[in-house]
Every structure is written in structure tokens, then in C-alpha cells.
Amino acid sequence: MTPAQFRNQHGDSDTWTVSDFESYEHLLEVDDPDLTRATRDRLIIIGRHLQNGRVVVGLAPVPLLTA
């Protein structure tokens, strides 16, 4: 199932359960190669550039985030 199919099947996100949000999040991760790479390499996407590129950082140099 794609993220779009999930949204069509589950309707407005205002009615989603916690489980629905978690399922949707996993679909987004699988559908997006940048998110897949970030997860594999233990990186975190923290935002976007003005040109729509993602800002990706590693967790290792930030000890407070990995604790």
C-alpha cells in the first residue's frame, strides 16, 4: 500500500488513531529512498532547504540526542 492509498482508505487524518499514524509513518519511510537511507545510516532528517532538499544529520556527534 502506498501513502496515497492509505490516506484514501483512512480518510481525514483528524480521525486517525495512534496506530494509523504509526502505520502511515512506516509507509512514508518505505516509500521514500531518503528516509530509508537515513534510517539505515542512523541519520535524522531535521528539516528542508529552501530548494526543497532535506537537511540530514548524523546522531553520533550529538550525544544528548543518542542518550
N, C-alpha and C. Protein backbone atom coordinates (compact mmCIF):
# COMPACT_ATOMS: atom_id res chain seq x y z
N MET A 1 0.84 -1.17 0.00
CA MET A 1 0.00 0.00 0.00
C MET A 1 0.89 1.24 0.00
N THR A 2 0.54 2.20 -0.81
CA THR A 2 1.28 3.46 -0.87
C THR A 2 0.70 4.45 0.16
N PRO A 3 1.46 5.50 0.48
CA PRO A 3 0.89 6.51 1.38
C PRO A 3 -0.41 7.12 0.86
N ALA A 4 -0.50 7.34 -0.45
CA ALA A 4 -1.73 7.90 -1.03
C ALA A 4 -2.90 6.94 -0.86
N GLN A 5 -2.68 5.66 -1.09
CA GLN A 5 -3.73 4.67 -0.91
C GLN A 5 -4.18 4.61 0.55
N PHE A 6 -3.22 4.71 1.47
CA PHE A 6 -3.55 4.71 2.89
C PHE A 6 -4.45 5.89 3.23
N ARG A 7 -4.08 7.09 2.75
CA ARG A 7 -4.88 8.29 3.02
C ARG A 7 -6.28 8.15 2.43
N ASN A 8 -6.39 7.60 1.23
CA ASN A 8 -7.71 7.40 0.61
C ASN A 8 -8.55 6.42 1.42
N GLN A 9 -7.95 5.38 1.93
CA GLN A 9 -8.68 4.36 2.67
C GLN A 9 -9.06 4.84 4.07
N HIS A 10 -8.20 5.63 4.72
CA HIS A 10 -8.43 6.02 6.11
C HIS A 10 -9.07 7.39 6.28
N GLY A 11 -9.22 8.13 5.21
CA GLY A 11 -9.91 9.42 5.30
C GLY A 11 -9.10 10.50 5.98
N ASP A 12 -9.81 11.46 6.54
CA ASP A 12 -9.20 12.64 7.16
C ASP A 12 -8.34 12.24 8.35
N SER A 13 -7.12 12.78 8.42
CA SER A 13 -6.20 12.41 9.50
C SER A 13 -6.69 12.84 10.88
N ASP A 14 -7.68 13.73 10.92
CA ASP A 14 -8.25 14.14 12.22
C ASP A 14 -8.92 12.97 12.93
N THR A 15 -9.28 11.93 12.17
CA THR A 15 -9.96 10.78 12.76
C THR A 15 -9.03 9.58 12.96
N TRP A 16 -7.77 9.71 12.62
CA TRP A 16 -6.83 8.60 12.73
C TRP A 16 -6.50 8.28 14.18
N THR A 17 -6.24 7.01 14.43
CA THR A 17 -5.78 6.56 15.74
C THR A 17 -4.25 6.66 15.78
N VAL A 18 -3.70 6.44 16.95
CA VAL A 18 -2.24 6.42 17.09
C VAL A 18 -1.65 5.34 16.18
N SER A 19 -2.31 4.21 16.14
CA SER A 19 -1.87 3.10 15.29
C SER A 19 -1.88 3.49 13.82
N ASP A 20 -2.90 4.24 13.38
CA ASP A 20 -2.97 4.70 11.99
C ASP A 20 -1.77 5.59 11.67
N PHE A 21 -1.45 6.51 12.58
CA PHE A 21 -0.31 7.41 12.36
C PHE A 21 1.00 6.63 12.28
N GLU A 22 1.15 5.64 13.14
CA GLU A 22 2.37 4.83 13.12
C GLU A 22 2.47 4.04 11.82
N SER A 23 1.37 3.49 11.37
CA SER A 23 1.36 2.75 10.10
C SER A 23 1.70 3.66 8.94
N TYR A 24 1.11 4.84 8.94
CA TYR A 24 1.37 5.80 7.87
C TYR A 24 2.84 6.23 7.87
N GLU A 25 3.39 6.44 9.05
CA GLU A 25 4.79 6.83 9.16
C GLU A 25 5.69 5.76 8.56
N HIS A 26 5.39 4.49 8.83
CA HIS A 26 6.19 3.40 8.27
C HIS A 26 6.05 3.34 6.75
N LEU A 27 4.87 3.59 6.23
CA LEU A 27 4.69 3.62 4.78
C LEU A 27 5.51 4.74 4.16
N LEU A 28 5.55 5.89 4.80
CA LEU A 28 6.35 7.01 4.28
C LEU A 28 7.83 6.66 4.27
N GLU A 29 8.29 6.01 5.32
CA GLU A 29 9.70 5.64 5.40
C GLU A 29 10.08 4.67 4.29
N VAL A 30 9.21 3.70 4.03
CA VAL A 30 9.49 2.70 3.00
C VAL A 30 9.41 3.31 1.61
N ASP A 31 8.49 4.26 1.41
CA ASP A 31 8.25 4.85 0.10
C ASP A 31 9.30 5.88 -0.30
N ASP A 32 10.05 6.41 0.65
CA ASP A 32 10.99 7.49 0.39
C ASP A 32 12.43 7.00 0.52
N PRO A 33 13.19 6.97 -0.59
CA PRO A 33 14.56 6.47 -0.51
C PRO A 33 15.45 7.28 0.43
N ASP A 34 15.20 8.58 0.58
CA ASP A 34 15.99 9.38 1.51
C ASP A 34 15.75 8.95 2.95
N LEU A 35 14.49 8.67 3.29
CA LEU A 35 14.18 8.22 4.64
C LEU A 35 14.74 6.82 4.89
N THR A 36 14.68 5.96 3.89
CA THR A 36 15.24 4.61 4.02
C THR A 36 16.74 4.69 4.29
N ARG A 37 17.43 5.52 3.52
CA ARG A 37 18.88 5.69 3.69
C ARG A 37 19.19 6.28 5.06
N ALA A 38 18.43 7.29 5.46
CA ALA A 38 18.67 7.92 6.75
C ALA A 38 18.50 6.92 7.89
N THR A 39 17.47 6.09 7.82
CA THR A 39 17.24 5.08 8.85
C THR A 39 18.37 4.06 8.87
N ARG A 40 18.78 3.61 7.70
CA ARG A 40 19.85 2.62 7.60
C ARG A 40 21.16 3.16 8.15
N ASP A 41 21.46 4.42 7.86
CA ASP A 41 22.74 5.02 8.25
C ASP A 41 22.69 5.73 9.60
N ARG A 42 21.57 5.55 10.34
CA ARG A 42 21.38 6.17 11.65
C ARG A 42 21.50 7.69 11.58
N LEU A 43 20.81 8.26 10.60
CA LEU A 43 20.76 9.70 10.42
C LEU A 43 19.35 10.17 10.75
N ILE A 44 19.20 11.46 10.92
CA ILE A 44 17.88 12.02 11.19
C ILE A 44 17.66 13.20 10.25
N ILE A 45 16.48 13.27 9.66
CA ILE A 45 16.11 14.38 8.80
C ILE A 45 15.46 15.43 9.69
N ILE A 46 16.06 16.62 9.75
CA ILE A 46 15.57 17.64 10.68
C ILE A 46 14.83 18.78 10.01
N GLY A 47 14.80 18.80 8.69
CA GLY A 47 14.09 19.88 8.01
C GLY A 47 14.35 19.86 6.52
N ARG A 48 14.08 20.99 5.87
CA ARG A 48 14.27 21.11 4.42
C ARG A 48 14.97 22.42 4.10
N HIS A 49 15.75 22.38 3.03
CA HIS A 49 16.34 23.59 2.48
C HIS A 49 15.26 24.37 1.74
N LEU A 50 15.52 25.60 1.46
CA LEU A 50 14.58 26.39 0.67
C LEU A 50 14.36 25.78 -0.71
N GLN A 51 15.37 25.10 -1.24
CA GLN A 51 15.26 24.48 -2.56
C GLN A 51 14.60 23.10 -2.47
N ASN A 52 13.97 22.77 -1.33
CA ASN A 52 13.23 21.52 -1.13
C ASN A 52 14.12 20.32 -0.85
N GLY A 53 15.44 20.52 -0.68
CA GLY A 53 16.30 19.41 -0.30
C GLY A 53 16.24 19.20 1.21
N ARG A 54 16.48 18.00 1.65
CA ARG A 54 16.39 17.69 3.07
C ARG A 54 17.68 18.05 3.81
N VAL A 55 17.55 18.41 5.07
CA VAL A 55 18.68 18.62 5.96
C VAL A 55 18.83 17.34 6.77
N VAL A 56 19.93 16.62 6.56
CA VAL A 56 20.14 15.33 7.21
C VAL A 56 21.38 15.44 8.09
N VAL A 57 21.27 14.97 9.33
CA VAL A 57 22.41 15.00 10.25
C VAL A 57 22.59 13.62 10.87
N GLY A 58 23.83 13.34 11.26
CA GLY A 58 24.13 12.10 11.97
C GLY A 58 23.89 12.30 13.46
N LEU A 59 23.50 11.23 14.15
CA LEU A 59 23.25 11.32 15.58
C LEU A 59 24.51 11.15 16.41
N ALA A 60 25.53 10.51 15.89
CA ALA A 60 26.74 10.22 16.66
C ALA A 60 27.39 11.47 17.26
N PRO A 61 27.52 12.59 16.51
CA PRO A 61 28.19 13.76 17.09
C PRO A 61 27.33 14.52 18.10
N VAL A 62 26.09 14.12 18.31
CA VAL A 62 25.18 14.84 19.20
C VAL A 62 24.81 13.89 20.35
N PRO A 63 25.64 13.79 21.39
CA PRO A 63 25.42 12.80 22.44
C PRO A 63 24.09 12.96 23.17
N LEU A 64 23.57 14.15 23.30
CA LEU A 64 22.31 14.33 24.01
C LEU A 64 21.14 13.70 23.28
N LEU A 65 21.21 13.63 21.94
CA LEU A 65 20.14 13.01 21.16
C LEU A 65 20.20 11.49 21.20
N THR A 66 21.38 10.94 21.42
CA THR A 66 21.51 9.49 21.38
C THR A 66 21.39 8.86 22.76
N ALA A 67 21.35 9.66 23.79
CA ALA A 67 21.27 9.12 25.16
C ALA A 67 19.88 8.55 25.43
